[in-house]
Amino acid sequence: PPRPTRPVRRTASSRETDPPGPRVSIAAMHRRRFLAAACASVLPAPLAAKPRTAVPAIDVAAHNADLLARLRAPGPPLRAWRWIVVHHTAAEYATLAGIDRYHRNHFGDPLGAEYHFVINNGKKAPLGLIEAARWRYQEPAWHLFKPDNAPASIAVCLIGNFEARPLPPAMLDALVDLTAALMRELSIPAARVSTHRVVDEKLTQCPGKHFPLDEFRRRLTPAG
């Protein structure tokens, strides 16, 4: 169901039971502000900054395997998710912590990042590392201009600008693993897996012209 407008602060428990808010035009305005900031070609300064820090050493395969094994136990009861939509940050040096902070400060959402998962590109966190964001709260994300085209959608965000460069194979592998696990656990068909650009009918280039959509779809479809 659609969420109330941003100025209404609610507890995690009240979100599940409150009726939808009536101020649709205000909600639409906030959604457009978010999308413009998240996928514009001119990047928000907090996401575009490039501080040089060492990438932490993490066993990515083990971390991702553990995360995927616990998809059905994020904490709150699972919602009835129906779609999976892929995004990119359009910023090479973004991090989940930075996205979380930016969205809290600019959109007034106490839960922070408007993505359910992010997949890292190796610049600030290990290549292919999957991190759970909004998934931990089982709350909808404000990530589409036309949410009715993909209702109850899970937002997966790739760190990087794939309008400017190809998606690294390790990131595609992680995306396929995450998407396939979500499809399996939540009974989401391949027909309901898409990208921001496709769902929003070309109102944005996200996740970029170099995103390998055909290969992504092929790898999600069982052979034969």
Protein backbone atom coordinates (compact mmCIF):
# COMPACT_ATOMS: atom_id res chain seq x y z
CA PRO A 1 0.00 0.00 0.00
CA PRO A 2 1.15 3.60 -0.56
CA ARG A 3 2.84 5.23 2.40
CA PRO A 4 1.76 8.49 4.09
CA THR A 5 3.62 11.66 3.25
CA ARG A 6 7.11 12.26 4.59
CA PRO A 7 6.31 14.94 7.22
CA VAL A 8 4.33 12.38 9.23
CA ARG A 9 6.76 10.71 11.64
CA ARG A 10 5.58 7.26 12.78
CA THR A 11 6.97 4.36 14.70
CA ALA A 12 7.94 1.13 12.96
CA SER A 13 4.91 -0.67 14.42
CA SER A 14 2.41 1.99 13.33
CA ARG A 15 3.51 1.82 9.68
CA GLU A 16 1.98 -1.62 9.28
CA THR A 17 -1.51 -0.56 10.43
CA ASP A 18 -1.96 3.11 9.51
CA PRO A 19 -4.26 3.78 6.54
CA PRO A 20 -2.77 5.41 3.43
CA GLY A 21 -2.47 9.19 3.64
CA PRO A 22 -4.78 11.29 1.47
CA ARG A 23 -2.23 13.86 0.26
CA VAL A 24 -1.24 12.12 -2.95
CA SER A 25 0.10 15.25 -4.64
CA ILE A 26 2.54 15.90 -1.79
CA ALA A 27 3.66 12.28 -1.84
CA ALA A 28 4.26 12.52 -5.58
CA MET A 29 6.32 15.66 -5.09
CA HIS A 30 8.56 13.93 -2.55
CA ARG A 31 8.95 10.90 -4.81
CA ARG A 32 10.09 13.07 -7.71
CA ARG A 33 12.56 14.92 -5.51
CA PHE A 34 14.09 11.62 -4.46
CA LEU A 35 14.35 10.24 -7.97
CA ALA A 36 15.85 13.45 -9.32
CA ALA A 37 18.55 13.33 -6.64
CA ALA A 38 19.23 9.60 -6.87
CA CYS A 39 19.52 9.16 -10.62
CA ALA A 40 20.36 12.58 -12.05
CA SER A 41 23.46 13.11 -14.14
CA VAL A 42 24.55 15.92 -11.79
CA LEU A 43 25.31 14.04 -8.57
CA PRO A 44 24.53 15.21 -5.05
CA ALA A 45 27.77 16.32 -3.41
CA PRO A 46 27.61 13.77 -0.54
CA LEU A 47 27.39 10.91 -3.04
CA ALA A 48 29.83 12.30 -5.59
CA ALA A 49 32.72 12.94 -3.19
CA LYS A 50 35.79 10.73 -3.66
CA PRO A 51 37.69 10.37 -0.40
CA ARG A 52 40.53 7.88 -0.69
CA THR A 53 40.15 5.21 1.95
CA ALA A 54 41.24 1.59 2.04
CA VAL A 55 38.59 -0.96 1.08
CA PRO A 56 37.99 -3.24 4.07
CA ALA A 57 38.99 -6.88 3.70
CA ILE A 58 35.85 -9.03 3.80
CA ASP A 59 35.13 -12.57 2.62
CA VAL A 60 32.52 -11.44 0.08
CA ALA A 61 31.37 -14.94 -0.88
CA ALA A 62 30.78 -15.95 2.74
CA HIS A 63 29.10 -12.63 3.60
CA ASN A 64 26.74 -12.81 0.61
CA ALA A 65 25.91 -16.47 1.22
CA ASP A 66 24.98 -15.70 4.83
CA LEU A 67 22.84 -12.72 3.81
CA LEU A 68 20.99 -14.75 1.17
CA ALA A 69 20.42 -17.59 3.62
CA ARG A 70 18.67 -15.19 6.00
CA LEU A 71 16.44 -13.31 3.54
CA ARG A 72 13.27 -14.59 5.19
CA ALA A 73 14.33 -13.45 8.64
CA PRO A 74 15.12 -9.73 8.43
CA GLY A 75 13.42 -9.01 11.77
CA PRO A 76 9.89 -7.67 11.12
CA PRO A 77 7.37 -9.96 9.36
CA LEU A 78 7.93 -10.16 5.61
CA ARG A 79 5.70 -8.07 3.38
CA ALA A 80 3.98 -9.49 0.33
CA TRP A 81 6.60 -8.27 -2.14
CA ARG A 82 5.63 -8.59 -5.82
CA TRP A 83 8.37 -6.93 -7.92
CA ILE A 84 12.14 -6.43 -8.01
CA VAL A 85 13.50 -3.22 -9.59
CA VAL A 86 17.19 -2.52 -10.30
CA HIS A 87 18.74 0.95 -9.91
CA HIS A 88 22.21 2.50 -9.89
CA THR A 89 23.52 5.37 -7.78
CA ALA A 90 25.06 7.22 -10.76
CA ALA A 91 27.87 7.94 -8.28
CA GLU A 92 31.06 5.86 -8.21
CA TYR A 93 32.09 6.55 -4.62
CA ALA A 94 28.75 6.10 -2.87
CA THR A 95 28.37 3.91 0.19
CA LEU A 96 25.34 2.56 2.01
CA ALA A 97 26.21 4.75 5.00
CA GLY A 98 26.42 7.83 2.77
CA ILE A 99 23.17 7.06 0.96
CA ASP A 100 21.47 6.39 4.28
CA ARG A 101 22.65 9.70 5.72
CA TYR A 102 21.75 11.66 2.58
CA HIS A 103 18.22 10.27 2.41
CA ARG A 104 17.62 10.85 6.13
CA ASN A 105 18.74 14.47 5.85
CA HIS A 106 17.10 15.39 2.54
CA PHE A 107 13.86 13.39 2.60
CA GLY A 108 13.12 13.29 6.31
CA ASP A 109 12.80 9.52 6.45
CA PRO A 110 14.10 8.15 9.76
CA LEU A 111 14.73 4.78 8.12
CA GLY A 112 17.27 6.32 5.74
CA ALA A 113 18.21 4.66 2.45
CA GLU A 114 15.36 4.32 -0.04
CA TYR A 115 16.74 1.02 -1.34
CA HIS A 116 16.24 -2.43 0.11
CA PHE A 117 19.68 -3.67 -0.92
CA VAL A 118 22.87 -2.20 -2.36
CA ILE A 119 25.66 -3.98 -4.22
CA ASN A 120 29.12 -2.44 -3.93
CA ASN A 121 31.58 -1.70 -6.74
CA GLY A 122 34.94 -2.04 -4.93
CA LYS A 123 35.62 1.69 -4.58
CA LYS A 124 34.62 2.11 -0.92
CA ALA A 125 33.45 -1.42 -0.03
CA PRO A 126 34.45 -4.80 -1.51
CA LEU A 127 33.43 -5.54 -5.09
CA GLY A 128 30.19 -7.49 -5.25
CA LEU A 129 29.39 -7.14 -1.54
CA ILE A 130 25.63 -7.16 -0.96
CA GLU A 131 24.31 -5.08 1.92
CA ALA A 132 20.77 -5.07 3.30
CA ALA A 133 19.35 -1.57 3.75
CA ARG A 134 15.61 -0.94 3.93
CA TRP A 135 15.03 -4.69 3.79
CA ARG A 136 15.85 -4.81 7.50
CA TYR A 137 12.68 -2.83 8.26
CA GLN A 138 10.37 -4.41 5.66
CA GLU A 139 9.20 -0.96 4.59
CA PRO A 140 8.40 0.22 1.04
CA ALA A 141 10.96 2.40 -0.74
CA TRP A 142 10.20 5.63 -2.61
CA HIS A 143 12.11 4.79 -5.77
CA LEU A 144 9.77 5.09 -8.77
CA PHE A 145 8.01 7.88 -10.66
CA LYS A 146 5.20 5.43 -11.49
CA PRO A 147 4.92 3.04 -8.55
CA ASP A 148 1.68 1.56 -9.87
CA ASN A 149 3.75 -0.01 -12.67
CA ALA A 150 5.60 -2.15 -10.10
CA PRO A 151 3.60 -2.25 -6.87
CA ALA A 152 5.14 -3.72 -3.72
CA SER A 153 8.58 -3.60 -5.31
CA ILE A 154 11.99 -4.39 -3.82
CA ALA A 155 14.59 -1.78 -4.80
CA VAL A 156 18.10 -3.11 -5.48
CA CYS A 157 20.74 -0.45 -6.10
CA LEU A 158 24.10 -0.95 -7.82
CA ILE A 159 26.83 1.39 -6.57
CA GLY A 160 28.36 3.13 -9.59
CA ASN A 161 27.55 5.00 -12.77
CA PHE A 162 26.63 2.48 -15.47
CA GLU A 163 25.60 5.17 -17.86
CA ALA A 164 29.34 5.86 -18.11
CA ARG A 165 30.94 2.40 -17.86
CA PRO A 166 30.09 -1.32 -18.01
CA LEU A 167 28.88 -3.20 -14.97
CA PRO A 168 31.71 -5.33 -13.50
CA PRO A 169 31.06 -9.10 -13.81
CA ALA A 170 31.30 -9.57 -10.04
CA MET A 171 28.50 -7.06 -9.52
CA LEU A 172 26.30 -8.78 -12.09
CA ASP A 173 27.00 -12.13 -10.42
CA ALA A 174 25.96 -10.71 -7.04
CA LEU A 175 22.85 -9.12 -8.55
CA VAL A 176 21.83 -12.39 -10.19
CA ASP A 177 22.39 -14.31 -6.94
CA LEU A 178 20.37 -11.81 -4.90
CA THR A 179 17.56 -11.53 -7.44
CA ALA A 180 17.29 -15.29 -7.92
CA ALA A 181 17.15 -15.81 -4.15
CA LEU A 182 14.42 -13.19 -3.75
CA MET A 183 12.45 -14.69 -6.62
CA ARG A 184 12.71 -18.14 -5.09
CA GLU A 185 11.91 -17.15 -1.52
CA LEU A 186 9.05 -14.77 -2.38
CA SER A 187 7.61 -16.52 -5.45
CA ILE A 188 8.32 -13.54 -7.71
CA PRO A 189 8.27 -14.50 -11.42
CA ALA A 190 10.92 -13.32 -13.87
CA ALA A 191 8.27 -11.19 -15.60
CA ARG A 192 8.19 -9.00 -12.46
CA VAL A 193 11.93 -8.32 -12.41
CA SER A 194 12.85 -5.11 -14.19
CA THR A 195 14.87 -1.88 -14.13
CA HIS A 196 14.02 1.65 -13.12
CA ARG A 197 14.11 2.81 -16.73
CA VAL A 198 11.73 0.11 -17.95
CA VAL A 199 9.25 0.48 -15.08
CA ASP A 200 9.15 4.26 -15.36
CA GLU A 201 8.76 4.11 -19.13
CA LYS A 202 12.04 5.83 -20.04
CA LEU A 203 11.64 8.81 -17.69
CA THR A 204 15.15 8.00 -16.46
CA GLN A 205 18.26 6.21 -17.79
CA CYS A 206 18.77 4.38 -14.47
CA PRO A 207 20.52 1.90 -14.13
CA GLY A 208 22.43 3.20 -17.14
CA LYS A 209 22.87 2.33 -20.81
CA HIS A 210 25.66 -0.14 -20.02
CA PHE A 211 23.51 -2.25 -17.70
CA PRO A 212 23.35 -5.70 -19.40
CA LEU A 213 19.58 -6.16 -19.19
CA ASP A 214 19.36 -8.99 -21.72
CA GLU A 215 22.10 -11.00 -20.02
CA PHE A 216 20.57 -10.33 -16.61
CA ARG A 217 17.19 -11.62 -17.75
CA ARG A 218 18.73 -14.62 -19.48
CA ARG A 219 20.56 -15.68 -16.32
CA LEU A 220 17.32 -15.50 -14.31
CA THR A 221 15.46 -17.78 -16.71
CA PRO A 222 15.97 -21.53 -16.22
CA ALA A 223 17.48 -23.28 -19.23
CA GLY A 224 15.03 -25.26 -21.33
